[in-house]
Amino acid sequence: MNKECCARKKVRSPEEYKSLLNRLSRIEGQVRGIRGMVEKDAYCTDILVQVAAVNAALNAFNRELLANHIRTCVSEDIRAGKDETVDELVSTLKKLMK
């Protein structure tokens, strides 16, 4: 059993770690780009399109993180008989789907 999950921490594989950080770096760059557009008085529609792209990138980040969470922490806890993890997952999904 992965004790890091139970202690509310997660040890990620180097591949998962790199993938998540790369996604976040791209998102940070997109947000900085939007700030620059506002500072340069860009047309509203152009800014809105870029904001939509950031939202899509954040959703992709969430999907990847959630899939990894289900494959590791959730499945390990279920195998260990920790059914409360399913309740936590359901609660998390409700928050993500607002």
Protein backbone atom coordinates (compact mmCIF):
# COMPACT_ATOMS: atom_id res chain seq x y z
CA MET A 1 0.00 0.00 0.00
CA ASN A 2 1.22 3.50 -0.83
CA LYS A 3 1.44 5.25 2.54
CA GLU A 4 2.10 8.59 0.81
CA CYS A 5 -1.52 8.67 -0.37
CA CYS A 6 -2.84 7.99 3.10
CA ALA A 7 -0.63 10.71 4.59
CA ARG A 8 -2.15 13.14 2.08
CA LYS A 9 1.02 13.22 0.01
CA LYS A 10 1.80 11.49 -3.25
CA VAL A 11 5.11 10.27 -4.58
CA ARG A 12 4.88 10.55 -8.35
CA SER A 13 6.90 8.76 -10.96
CA PRO A 14 9.45 10.92 -12.76
CA GLU A 15 7.31 10.71 -15.91
CA GLU A 16 4.11 11.84 -14.15
CA TYR A 17 5.97 14.62 -12.33
CA LYS A 18 7.53 15.91 -15.56
CA SER A 19 4.26 15.73 -17.49
CA LEU A 20 2.30 17.64 -14.84
CA LEU A 21 4.96 20.32 -14.46
CA ASN A 22 5.24 20.74 -18.23
CA ARG A 23 1.49 21.26 -18.48
CA LEU A 24 1.56 23.80 -15.66
CA SER A 25 4.47 25.66 -17.26
CA ARG A 26 2.54 25.96 -20.52
CA ILE A 27 -0.53 27.18 -18.64
CA GLU A 28 1.56 29.77 -16.78
CA GLY A 29 2.90 30.99 -20.11
CA GLN A 30 -0.60 31.26 -21.53
CA VAL A 31 -1.77 33.27 -18.51
CA ARG A 32 1.22 35.61 -18.84
CA GLY A 33 0.32 36.00 -22.50
CA ILE A 34 -3.24 36.99 -21.57
CA ARG A 35 -1.89 39.54 -19.10
CA GLY A 36 0.26 40.96 -21.88
CA MET A 37 -2.76 41.17 -24.16
CA VAL A 38 -4.67 43.14 -21.52
CA GLU A 39 -1.69 45.43 -20.95
CA LYS A 40 -1.49 46.06 -24.72
CA ASP A 41 -5.22 46.75 -24.99
CA ALA A 42 -5.91 43.71 -27.17
CA TYR A 43 -9.39 43.26 -28.56
CA CYS A 44 -11.79 41.59 -26.09
CA THR A 45 -12.65 38.65 -28.33
CA ASP A 46 -8.98 37.82 -28.84
CA ILE A 47 -8.46 37.76 -25.08
CA LEU A 48 -11.56 35.62 -24.54
CA VAL A 49 -10.30 33.05 -27.04
CA GLN A 50 -7.02 32.81 -25.14
CA VAL A 51 -8.86 32.47 -21.82
CA ALA A 52 -10.86 29.60 -23.33
CA ALA A 53 -7.56 27.95 -24.33
CA VAL A 54 -6.29 28.26 -20.73
CA ASN A 55 -9.53 26.75 -19.43
CA ALA A 56 -9.12 23.82 -21.83
CA ALA A 57 -5.50 23.37 -20.71
CA LEU A 58 -6.54 23.37 -17.04
CA ASN A 59 -9.25 20.81 -17.79
CA ALA A 60 -6.66 18.60 -19.51
CA PHE A 61 -4.39 18.96 -16.46
CA ASN A 62 -7.28 17.95 -14.18
CA ARG A 63 -8.10 14.92 -16.34
CA GLU A 64 -4.50 13.69 -16.26
CA LEU A 65 -4.15 14.25 -12.52
CA LEU A 66 -7.51 12.62 -11.78
CA ALA A 67 -6.73 9.59 -13.94
CA ASN A 68 -3.40 9.11 -12.18
CA HIS A 69 -5.11 9.52 -8.79
CA ILE A 70 -7.71 6.87 -9.61
CA ARG A 71 -5.08 4.45 -10.95
CA THR A 72 -2.90 4.78 -7.86
CA CYS A 73 -4.31 6.18 -4.61
CA VAL A 74 -7.96 5.27 -5.15
CA SER A 75 -7.38 1.76 -6.47
CA GLU A 76 -4.83 1.00 -3.73
CA ASP A 77 -7.20 2.23 -1.02
CA ILE A 78 -10.11 0.21 -2.41
CA ARG A 79 -7.95 -2.93 -2.48
CA ALA A 80 -7.02 -2.17 1.14
CA GLY A 81 -10.70 -1.95 2.07
CA LYS A 82 -10.79 1.83 2.54
CA ASP A 83 -14.22 2.49 1.10
CA GLU A 84 -14.21 6.11 2.34
CA THR A 85 -11.84 6.87 -0.54
CA VAL A 86 -14.77 6.37 -2.93
CA ASP A 87 -16.75 9.00 -1.02
CA GLU A 88 -13.78 11.35 -1.24
CA LEU A 89 -13.56 10.73 -5.00
CA VAL A 90 -17.28 11.42 -5.46
CA SER A 91 -16.94 14.65 -3.48
CA THR A 92 -13.95 15.69 -5.60
CA LEU A 93 -15.82 14.95 -8.83
CA LYS A 94 -18.76 17.08 -7.67
CA LYS A 95 -16.37 20.01 -7.11
CA LEU A 96 -14.76 19.53 -10.51
CA MET A 97 -18.09 19.40 -12.31
CA LYS A 98 -19.51 22.69 -10.98
